[in-house]
Each structure stands twice: as structure tokens, then as C-alpha cells.
C-alpha atoms as a PDB file:
ATOM      1  CA  MET A   1      39.799 -22.301 -29.799  1.00  0.00           C
ATOM      2  CA  SER A   2      43.357 -20.921 -29.596  1.00  0.00           C
ATOM      3  CA  SER A   3      45.841 -21.745 -32.337  1.00  0.00           C
ATOM      4  CA  VAL A   4      49.133 -23.472 -31.682  1.00  0.00           C
ATOM      5  CA  PRO A   5      52.076 -21.093 -32.217  1.00  0.00           C
ATOM      6  CA  ARG A   6      54.253 -21.979 -35.188  1.00  0.00           C
ATOM      7  CA  PRO A   7      57.752 -23.141 -34.155  1.00  0.00           C
ATOM      8  CA  SER A   8      60.336 -20.414 -34.745  1.00  0.00           C
ATOM      9  CA  VAL A   9      63.815 -20.720 -36.267  1.00  0.00           C
ATOM     10  CA  LEU A  10      64.659 -17.197 -35.160  1.00  0.00           C
ATOM     11  CA  GLY A  11      63.679 -18.168 -31.616  1.00  0.00           C
ATOM     12  CA  LEU A  12      65.841 -21.306 -31.445  1.00  0.00           C
ATOM     13  CA  ALA A  13      68.898 -19.365 -30.318  1.00  0.00           C
ATOM     14  CA  PRO A  14      67.670 -15.800 -29.841  1.00  0.00           C
ATOM     15  CA  ALA A  15      71.019 -14.335 -28.766  1.00  0.00           C
ATOM     16  CA  VAL A  16      72.859 -15.718 -31.810  1.00  0.00           C
ATOM     17  CA  PRO A  17      73.249 -13.210 -34.631  1.00  0.00           C
ATOM     18  CA  VAL A  18      74.719 -15.588 -37.245  1.00  0.00           C
ATOM     19  CA  ILE A  19      73.827 -19.056 -38.499  1.00  0.00           C
ATOM     20  CA  PRO A  20      76.888 -20.653 -40.129  1.00  0.00           C
ATOM     21  CA  VAL A  21      76.037 -22.193 -43.507  1.00  0.00           C
ATOM     22  CA  VAL A  22      78.147 -25.338 -43.731  1.00  0.00           C
ATOM     23  CA  VAL A  23      79.036 -27.529 -46.725  1.00  0.00           C
ATOM     24  CA  ILE A  24      80.547 -30.797 -45.481  1.00  0.00           C
ATOM     25  CA  GLU A  25      82.383 -33.063 -47.910  1.00  0.00           C
ATOM     26  CA  ASP A  26      83.538 -35.611 -45.312  1.00  0.00           C
ATOM     27  CA  ALA A  27      81.117 -36.632 -42.553  1.00  0.00           C
ATOM     28  CA  ALA A  28      84.107 -37.252 -40.267  1.00  0.00           C
ATOM     29  CA  ASP A  29      84.610 -33.476 -40.132  1.00  0.00           C
ATOM     30  CA  ALA A  30      81.066 -32.782 -38.940  1.00  0.00           C
ATOM     31  CA  VAL A  31      81.540 -33.247 -35.198  1.00  0.00           C
ATOM     32  CA  PRO A  32      84.823 -31.320 -34.744  1.00  0.00           C
ATOM     33  CA  LEU A  33      83.523 -28.550 -36.990  1.00  0.00           C
ATOM     34  CA  ALA A  34      80.279 -28.251 -35.039  1.00  0.00           C
ATOM     35  CA  ARG A  35      82.161 -28.297 -31.744  1.00  0.00           C
ATOM     36  CA  ALA A  36      84.390 -25.458 -32.949  1.00  0.00           C
ATOM     37  CA  LEU A  37      81.370 -23.375 -33.964  1.00  0.00           C
ATOM     38  CA  VAL A  38      79.612 -24.023 -30.658  1.00  0.00           C
ATOM     39  CA  ALA A  39      82.774 -23.184 -28.702  1.00  0.00           C
ATOM     40  CA  GLY A  40      82.972 -19.919 -30.647  1.00  0.00           C
ATOM     41  CA  GLY A  41      79.425 -19.010 -29.656  1.00  0.00           C
ATOM     42  CA  LEU A  42      77.456 -20.097 -32.758  1.00  0.00           C
ATOM     43  CA  PRO A  43      75.343 -23.106 -31.712  1.00  0.00           C
ATOM     44  CA  ALA A  44      72.834 -22.994 -34.591  1.00  0.00           C
ATOM     45  CA  VAL A  45      74.503 -24.814 -37.505  1.00  0.00           C
ATOM     46  CA  GLU A  46      72.937 -25.160 -40.966  1.00  0.00           C
ATOM     47  CA  VAL A  47      74.324 -28.164 -42.848  1.00  0.00           C
ATOM     48  CA  THR A  48      73.460 -27.784 -46.519  1.00  0.00           C
ATOM     49  CA  LEU A  49      72.179 -30.830 -48.394  1.00  0.00           C
ATOM     50  CA  ARG A  50      74.626 -30.289 -51.253  1.00  0.00           C
ATOM     51  CA  THR A  51      76.944 -33.250 -50.744  1.00  0.00           C
ATOM     52  CA  PRO A  52      76.547 -37.013 -50.271  1.00  0.00           C
ATOM     53  CA  ALA A  53      77.948 -36.605 -46.750  1.00  0.00           C
ATOM     54  CA  ALA A  54      75.354 -34.049 -45.624  1.00  0.00           C
ATOM     55  CA  LEU A  55      72.767 -36.313 -43.999  1.00  0.00           C
ATOM     56  CA  ASP A  56      75.435 -38.348 -42.217  1.00  0.00           C
ATOM     57  CA  ALA A  57      76.886 -35.061 -40.989  1.00  0.00           C
ATOM     58  CA  VAL A  58      73.497 -34.000 -39.598  1.00  0.00           C
ATOM     59  CA  ARG A  59      73.150 -37.372 -37.852  1.00  0.00           C
ATOM     60  CA  ALA A  60      76.589 -37.143 -36.323  1.00  0.00           C
ATOM     61  CA  ILE A  61      76.126 -33.606 -35.019  1.00  0.00           C
ATOM     62  CA  ALA A  62      72.676 -34.417 -33.639  1.00  0.00           C
ATOM     63  CA  ALA A  63      74.062 -37.460 -31.816  1.00  0.00           C
ATOM     64  CA  GLU A  64      77.434 -36.182 -30.607  1.00  0.00           C
ATOM     65  CA  VAL A  65      77.213 -32.403 -30.155  1.00  0.00           C
ATOM     66  CA  PRO A  66      74.339 -31.837 -27.727  1.00  0.00           C
ATOM     67  CA  ASP A  67      74.974 -28.103 -27.455  1.00  0.00           C
ATOM     68  CA  ALA A  68      74.522 -27.640 -31.208  1.00  0.00           C
ATOM     69  CA  VAL A  69      71.182 -26.847 -32.815  1.00  0.00           C
ATOM     70  CA  VAL A  70      71.710 -28.603 -36.119  1.00  0.00           C
ATOM     71  CA  GLY A  71      69.548 -27.814 -39.115  1.00  0.00           C
ATOM     72  CA  ALA A  72      69.450 -28.731 -42.784  1.00  0.00           C
ATOM     73  CA  GLY A  73      69.765 -26.200 -45.579  1.00  0.00           C
ATOM     74  CA  THR A  74      69.253 -26.363 -49.350  1.00  0.00           C
ATOM     75  CA  VAL A  75      66.081 -28.356 -48.727  1.00  0.00           C
ATOM     76  CA  VAL A  76      64.323 -28.335 -52.103  1.00  0.00           C
ATOM     77  CA  SER A  77      61.815 -31.204 -52.054  1.00  0.00           C
ATOM     78  CA  PRO A  78      59.354 -32.980 -49.765  1.00  0.00           C
ATOM     79  CA  ALA A  79      61.687 -35.993 -49.821  1.00  0.00           C
ATOM     80  CA  GLY A  80      64.511 -33.759 -48.638  1.00  0.00           C
ATOM     81  CA  VAL A  81      62.333 -32.578 -45.750  1.00  0.00           C
ATOM     82  CA  ALA A  82      61.676 -36.160 -44.663  1.00  0.00           C
ATOM     83  CA  ASP A  83      65.335 -37.156 -45.002  1.00  0.00           C
ATOM     84  CA  ALA A  84      66.564 -34.143 -43.033  1.00  0.00           C
ATOM     85  CA  VAL A  85      64.118 -34.547 -40.167  1.00  0.00           C
ATOM     86  CA  GLY A  86      64.820 -38.285 -40.092  1.00  0.00           C
ATOM     87  CA  ALA A  87      68.525 -37.520 -39.731  1.00  0.00           C
ATOM     88  CA  GLY A  88      67.874 -35.301 -36.717  1.00  0.00           C
ATOM     89  CA  ALA A  89      67.634 -31.806 -38.192  1.00  0.00           C
ATOM     90  CA  ARG A  90      66.007 -29.394 -35.753  1.00  0.00           C
ATOM     91  CA  PHE A  91      65.236 -26.765 -38.358  1.00  0.00           C
ATOM     92  CA  LEU A  92      64.975 -26.539 -42.148  1.00  0.00           C
ATOM     93  CA  VAL A  93      66.068 -23.873 -44.616  1.00  0.00           C
ATOM     94  CA  SER A  94      65.220 -23.703 -48.323  1.00  0.00           C
ATOM     95  CA  PRO A  95      66.567 -21.367 -51.020  1.00  0.00           C
ATOM     96  CA  GLY A  96      63.036 -20.928 -52.371  1.00  0.00           C
ATOM     97  CA  TRP A  97      59.652 -22.573 -52.037  1.00  0.00           C
ATOM     98  CA  THR A  98      56.802 -24.237 -53.860  1.00  0.00           C
ATOM     99  CA  GLU A  99      53.390 -25.164 -52.511  1.00  0.00           C
ATOM    100  CA  SER A 100      54.355 -28.828 -52.097  1.00  0.00           C
ATOM    101  CA  LEU A 101      57.647 -27.981 -50.387  1.00  0.00           C
ATOM    102  CA  LEU A 102      55.923 -25.521 -48.061  1.00  0.00           C
ATOM    103  CA  ASP A 103      53.287 -28.116 -47.182  1.00  0.00           C
ATOM    104  CA  ALA A 104      55.992 -30.654 -46.350  1.00  0.00           C
ATOM    105  CA  MET A 105      57.947 -28.197 -44.205  1.00  0.00           C
ATOM    106  CA  SER A 106      54.766 -27.083 -42.429  1.00  0.00           C
ATOM    107  CA  CYS A 107      53.948 -30.695 -41.551  1.00  0.00           C
ATOM    108  CA  SER A 108      57.514 -31.609 -40.531  1.00  0.00           C
ATOM    109  CA  GLY A 109      57.139 -30.640 -36.881  1.00  0.00           C
ATOM    110  CA  VAL A 110      60.312 -28.519 -36.905  1.00  0.00           C
ATOM    111  CA  PRO A 111      60.805 -24.782 -37.573  1.00  0.00           C
ATOM    112  CA  PHE A 112      61.649 -23.747 -41.121  1.00  0.00           C
ATOM    113  CA  LEU A 113      62.757 -20.777 -43.202  1.00  0.00           C
ATOM    114  CA  PRO A 114      61.448 -20.804 -46.779  1.00  0.00           C
ATOM    115  CA  GLY A 115      63.530 -18.715 -49.147  1.00  0.00           C
ATOM    116  CA  VAL A 116      62.247 -15.528 -50.799  1.00  0.00           C
ATOM    117  CA  SER A 117      63.721 -12.839 -53.017  1.00  0.00           C
ATOM    118  CA  THR A 118      60.640 -10.845 -54.111  1.00  0.00           C
ATOM    119  CA  THR A 119      57.849  -8.929 -52.418  1.00  0.00           C
ATOM    120  CA  SER A 120      55.230 -11.178 -54.004  1.00  0.00           C
ATOM    121  CA  GLU A 121      56.846 -14.250 -52.472  1.00  0.00           C
ATOM    122  CA  VAL A 122      56.830 -12.578 -49.067  1.00  0.00           C
ATOM    123  CA  VAL A 123      53.142 -11.678 -49.370  1.00  0.00           C
ATOM    124  CA  ALA A 124      52.291 -15.208 -50.511  1.00  0.00           C
ATOM    125  CA  LEU A 125      54.012 -16.692 -47.455  1.00  0.00           C
ATOM    126  CA  LEU A 126      52.302 -14.245 -45.108  1.00  0.00           C
ATOM    127  CA  GLU A 127      49.019 -15.333 -46.667  1.00  0.00           C
ATOM    128  CA  ARG A 128      49.929 -18.902 -45.707  1.00  0.00           C
ATOM    129  CA  GLY A 129      50.668 -17.858 -42.120  1.00  0.00           C
ATOM    130  CA  VAL A 130      54.458 -17.940 -42.464  1.00  0.00           C
ATOM    131  CA  SER A 131      56.215 -14.835 -41.162  1.00  0.00           C
ATOM    132  CA  GLU A 132      59.850 -16.026 -40.845  1.00  0.00           C
ATOM    133  CA  MET A 133      61.782 -16.338 -44.096  1.00  0.00           C
ATOM    134  CA  LYS A 134      65.241 -16.664 -45.583  1.00  0.00           C
ATOM    135  CA  PHE A 135      66.090 -13.737 -47.867  1.00  0.00           C
ATOM    136  CA  PHE A 136      68.272 -15.239 -50.589  1.00  0.00           C
ATOM    137  CA  PRO A 137      70.518 -14.432 -52.364  1.00  0.00           C
ATOM    138  CA  ALA A 138      70.693 -11.417 -50.082  1.00  0.00           C
ATOM    139  CA  GLU A 139      73.316  -9.221 -51.728  1.00  0.00           C
ATOM    140  CA  ALA A 140      72.282 -10.065 -55.293  1.00  0.00           C
ATOM    141  CA  ALA A 141      68.575  -9.580 -54.513  1.00  0.00           C
ATOM    142  CA  GLY A 142      68.902  -6.030 -53.190  1.00  0.00           C
ATOM    143  CA  GLY A 143      70.588  -6.370 -49.817  1.00  0.00           C
ATOM    144  CA  VAL A 144      70.034  -3.956 -46.952  1.00  0.00           C
ATOM    145  CA  PRO A 145      68.135  -1.294 -48.971  1.00  0.00           C
ATOM    146  CA  TYR A 146      65.637  -3.882 -50.212  1.00  0.00           C
ATOM    147  CA  LEU A 147      64.939  -5.309 -46.771  1.00  0.00           C
ATOM    148  CA  ARG A 148      64.666  -1.827 -45.301  1.00  0.00           C
ATOM    149  CA  SER A 149      62.041  -0.986 -47.910  1.00  0.00           C
ATOM    150  CA  LEU A 150      59.979  -4.043 -46.895  1.00  0.00           C
ATOM    151  CA  ALA A 151      59.877  -3.136 -43.210  1.00  0.00           C
ATOM    152  CA  GLY A 152      57.278  -0.394 -43.683  1.00  0.00           C
ATOM    153  CA  PRO A 153      54.549  -2.152 -45.682  1.00  0.00           C
ATOM    154  CA  LEU A 154      55.272  -5.674 -44.354  1.00  0.00           C
ATOM    155  CA  PRO A 155      56.427  -5.264 -40.732  1.00  0.00           C
ATOM    156  CA  GLN A 156      55.162  -8.700 -39.761  1.00  0.00           C
ATOM    157  CA  ALA A 157      57.726 -10.422 -42.014  1.00  0.00           C
ATOM    158  CA  ARG A 158      61.086 -11.252 -40.426  1.00  0.00           C
ATOM    159  CA  PHE A 159      64.158 -12.448 -42.276  1.00  0.00           C
ATOM    160  CA  CYS A 160      67.418 -14.329 -42.085  1.00  0.00           C
ATOM    161  CA  PRO A 161      69.356 -12.867 -45.036  1.00  0.00           C
ATOM    162  CA  THR A 162      71.908 -15.226 -46.571  1.00  0.00           C
ATOM    163  CA  GLY A 163      74.135 -14.994 -49.613  1.00  0.00           C
ATOM    164  CA  GLY A 164      77.208 -12.824 -50.008  1.00  0.00           C
ATOM    165  CA  ILE A 165      77.128 -11.478 -46.440  1.00  0.00           C
ATOM    166  CA  SER A 166      80.468 -10.823 -44.741  1.00  0.00           C
ATOM    167  CA  LEU A 167      81.703  -9.837 -41.304  1.00  0.00           C
ATOM    168  CA  ASP A 168      81.820  -6.238 -42.542  1.00  0.00           C
ATOM    169  CA  SER A 169      78.320  -6.158 -44.014  1.00  0.00           C
ATOM    170  CA  ALA A 170      76.519  -8.255 -41.375  1.00  0.00           C
ATOM    171  CA  PRO A 171      76.043  -5.373 -38.877  1.00  0.00           C
ATOM    172  CA  SER A 172      74.097  -3.359 -41.454  1.00  0.00           C
ATOM    173  CA  TYR A 173      71.662  -6.239 -41.866  1.00  0.00           C
ATOM    174  CA  LEU A 174      71.426  -6.895 -38.134  1.00  0.00           C
ATOM    175  CA  SER A 175      70.525  -3.251 -37.489  1.00  0.00           C
ATOM    176  CA  LEU A 176      67.287  -3.648 -39.467  1.00  0.00           C
ATOM    177  CA  PRO A 177      64.062  -4.116 -37.474  1.00  0.00           C
ATOM    178  CA  ASN A 178      62.916  -7.012 -39.689  1.00  0.00           C
ATOM    179  CA  VAL A 179      66.134  -9.064 -39.493  1.00  0.00           C
ATOM    180  CA  GLY A 180      66.531 -11.645 -36.735  1.00  0.00           C
ATOM    181  CA  CYS A 181      69.877 -13.092 -37.783  1.00  0.00           C
ATOM    182  CA  VAL A 182      72.025 -13.594 -40.876  1.00  0.00           C
ATOM    183  CA  GLY A 183      73.439 -16.684 -42.530  1.00  0.00           C
ATOM    184  CA  GLY A 184      77.074 -16.712 -43.509  1.00  0.00           C
ATOM    185  CA  THR A 185      80.143 -18.694 -44.474  1.00  0.00           C
ATOM    186  CA  TRP A 186      82.942 -16.250 -43.672  1.00  0.00           C
ATOM    187  CA  MET A 187      83.830 -18.101 -40.462  1.00  0.00           C
ATOM    188  CA  LEU A 188      84.388 -21.245 -42.563  1.00  0.00           C
ATOM    189  CA  PRO A 189      87.192 -20.363 -45.018  1.00  0.00           C
ATOM    190  CA  ALA A 190      88.046 -23.148 -47.443  1.00  0.00           C
ATOM    191  CA  ASP A 191      91.701 -23.297 -46.452  1.00  0.00           C
ATOM    192  CA  ALA A 192      90.836 -23.696 -42.759  1.00  0.00           C
ATOM    193  CA  LEU A 193      88.402 -26.503 -43.529  1.00  0.00           C
ATOM    194  CA  ALA A 194      90.895 -28.249 -45.796  1.00  0.00           C
ATOM    195  CA  ALA A 195      93.534 -28.075 -43.064  1.00  0.00           C
ATOM    196  CA  ARG A 196      90.990 -29.049 -40.388  1.00  0.00           C
ATOM    197  CA  ASP A 197      92.088 -25.962 -38.496  1.00  0.00           C
ATOM    198  CA  TRP A 198      89.262 -26.039 -35.986  1.00  0.00           C
ATOM    199  CA  ALA A 199      90.976 -23.498 -33.729  1.00  0.00           C
ATOM    200  CA  ARG A 200      90.806 -20.930 -36.537  1.00  0.00           C
ATOM    201  CA  VAL A 201      87.152 -21.759 -37.159  1.00  0.00           C
ATOM    202  CA  GLU A 202      86.430 -21.258 -33.452  1.00  0.00           C
ATOM    203  CA  SER A 203      88.227 -17.906 -33.484  1.00  0.00           C
ATOM    204  CA  LEU A 204      86.305 -16.695 -36.536  1.00  0.00           C
ATOM    205  CA  ALA A 205      83.058 -17.942 -35.002  1.00  0.00           C
ATOM    206  CA  SER A 206      83.806 -15.907 -31.879  1.00  0.00           C
ATOM    207  CA  GLY A 207      84.129 -12.797 -34.021  1.00  0.00           C
ATOM    208  CA  ALA A 208      80.778 -13.527 -35.648  1.00  0.00           C
ATOM    209  CA  ALA A 209      79.113 -14.233 -32.304  1.00  0.00           C
ATOM    210  CA  ALA A 210      80.346 -10.876 -31.013  1.00  0.00           C
ATOM    211  CA  LEU A 211      78.004  -9.204 -33.511  1.00  0.00           C
ATOM    212  CA  ARG A 212      75.215  -9.862 -31.009  1.00  0.00           C
ATOM    213  CA  THR A 213      76.337  -6.647 -29.313  1.00  0.00           C
ATOM    214  CA  THR A 214      75.419  -4.623 -32.409  1.00  0.00           C
ATOM    215  CA  PRO A 215      72.420  -2.400 -31.568  1.00  0.00           C
ATOM    216  CA  ARG A 216      69.299  -3.427 -33.486  1.00  0.00           C
ATOM    217  CA  GLN A 217      67.263  -0.276 -33.808  1.00  0.00           C
ATOM    218  CA  GLY A 218      63.543  -0.833 -33.577  1.00  0.00           C
ATOM    219  CA  ARG A 219      63.968  -4.579 -33.336  1.00  0.00           C
ATOM    220  CA  GLN A 220      60.670  -6.353 -32.894  1.00  0.00           C
ATOM    221  CA  GLY A 221      60.060  -8.722 -30.012  1.00  0.00           C
ATOM    222  CA  ARG A 222      59.679 -12.404 -30.573  1.00  0.00           C
END
């Protein structure tokens, strides 16, 4: 009997090199912010569950921005999985994982990226049949050299590095064969969000989306 392929976060928007990592304090900002990111060419939007407004923001984007692929980040418990999926999240991202959290994400019906920062965590996830992961905190955990060193012994593992990545450093990550995309916040500067300067957000998103033209040497197929 053939197995059912696991849903893929990295396959949700395969031409998109960057997933914006969004912290929303006011749910009223969710829709215009998501529209600006989509207009700039970044349709996959990770709304972190760090504020009281986060779930309402996910609901609003899911309902009012059909071109967005809205996901929930900073998912750290089975209850958080249920809340995020109930709000309309189409993918889940965690900073790390436990057995109970992984079980909940696996049963959620949506793609997910469990967070890793060590080789042992990567091997443990591969043992559980999970090959797509968030590498976090990317820069603090070893950055490009660390991920490059994993590509040889663990070529089946693919990553979305997040944490400390900038427009300048993103191309180095995207050139790696085991990186499908990166997560970042540089297109969401605090002063632009405070001023609700959605035109600036769109412009910065366009610059991030343009990274899709960066050659990815030896990139594996999906």
C-alpha cells in the first residue's frame, strides 16, 4: 500500500524565497499588512503567536486576503496547534519541538516546520519521517557554515533558516542545496509598522521577493 505524501511548507509557494515573520499587535493591521506583502511578491505570511491579537490576525488574513498563504509561528503546544488551525492557519512553524507537539502538528492536517538547532534534533525528526524543518536561531546556531556541513551527511533534510537573517545574508543561505527558503523580518521595520506605511512594506517585500533570482547551486527538487 502506498503512503500518503506529507504536506510540504516549502512546496506551498515554491517560487517564494522568503517567508515574512510577522508580529501583530493590533489585529486591524493584519489585512493591510498582508496585502502589502502579497503585492510585493511574498504571499506566504507567518503570523507569530506572541501577542493577544495573533489569532484574530490569522482569522482576518485567512478570510480577507485570498492570495495570502497565512501560517502561524511560535507554536509551542498542542493547544496552540489547535487554536492556529481553527483560526485558519495553512501552515505551522515552531521554534523547537517535543514529542507531544510533533504529534499534534503531524495530526493537524496542515504542513509544519518544527524548529531545530542541533544535528541530533535533525536526526530525530528524520527518524519520525519529517524532512522539512526550521533552523532556529539561524545566525546564533551556526548559520551558513553549519547548514552547509549538514548537507553532506543528511542530504534528505531541508531547512527554512530563521533568526538574524538580513537582505544581505539571505542569498548565502538560499545558495545552499538544503535550504528551500528563509524566514525574515527585515521587510517589516518597526517604524514602518508603527506608521502603517504599507507602501514601504510592499517595496521592501519586493526586494526580498527578488531574491528568487539568486542561483541555488545543487538545489534539490521537491
